[in-house]
Amino acid sequence: MPEIETYKTEESLLKKLRIPPGSRQVLIKTLARNVDARTPSGIWKITDTDWRENVHVDRWGEVIQAPKDPLPFAQLVPGQPPADKMPWRTNVQIKNGDLVWYDYLNSLNCVTYIDEEKSEYKLIDYENCYVATDKDANIIPLNGFTLFERVYKEQTGNFDIFEEHKIDRSRGIVKYVAKNNEAYELSSDEDPFDLQVGDEVKFGPVPEVMLEDEAHCHFDGGKMYRRAQARNISLVYRDGELILPKGRVLMSEVDPDEILPSGIILPSPEIKNQKGDILLSAINEIKEGDRVVYVKGSGIKYDHEGEACRIIQEHQILFVE
């Protein structure tokens, strides 16, 4: 790992600094050093037995200098190395004086300036900034990162025993909605949902990443939120209605085995394709009730209203019968 650069300077010089055109970096002043944090009773939050960088590193501060549009972005070209640019196309939504929350790893591995008052300033890549608040306390989600409240599991039976308020890490409730990104580094990536406040979502196979750690939580009065882009969501429930990602269908699988009038089942030979009846469609050319032939084993299995179903993408459908 390269050595992290740290410089001594003066605040007056930093405030004269200008982010050059084509740069994606943000100059941020750390407002609260977590290494100095104490509980209301005065106990240090960091001890010799609890020094975990992912917990205690600073994650928020004041924007001193923001980049300008357009931010550098280029989709990956097969056979060429990735460029040092934004991993998605988006616009700058912050300005000088805003408060911003950012990624702790980027905070650890960036150029840092220390002024004569021992204040700390960091150059953070814009794509690692997740949410901001302006002088009027308006909340501004950045880079397509929507914020989700936690969902807790409920006890369903006498033998379903777990600690109170057990978190369901596969789900979340939309609290602050981000504007979807226009494009991603991989052209196959997209934000397939237009999320709304109150939506309940099922996350895809991505790890849970919180905006802050509970030991040092400053955002929205100290509440905990999970952050994720719409491309990391697999399903949405809105007012009890299931919403699919764009370009996908929900279908019940049709048994390929042949059933004789006598009730005898003749197993079909091994085939490469299977059939399904469409229950819900987010594809214009396919509607509810259609029977489709799709590539065997494609998509993901999903239990819909007690029935074993499957969600597949448009390119996995061979044709409609």
Foldseek 3Di string as FASTA:
>chain_A
DDDAAEAEDAPVVVLVDADDAQAQKWKWWQDDQLQQDADPVGHRLDDPVDDDLQARAGFKGFTSYGYAPPFDDDADDPPDDDDPGDQFGDHDDDGGGKMWTFHSVQVVRFYWYAYPVRIIMTIGGNCRIAWIAHPVRDIAGPNQKFWWAWDFDDDDDPPRDDDPRHTDQQKTFTAGGHDWTPAGNHNVFGQQDRDDGGKMFGFAPDDWDKSHHQSDADPPNSGIITIDHSSRTQWIADPNDIDGGAQKFKWAWDQPWDADPVRDTHGDDDDQKGKTATCCDNYPVDHHGWIFIFGPPAADWDQDPNGIIGMHGNVRTDDTD
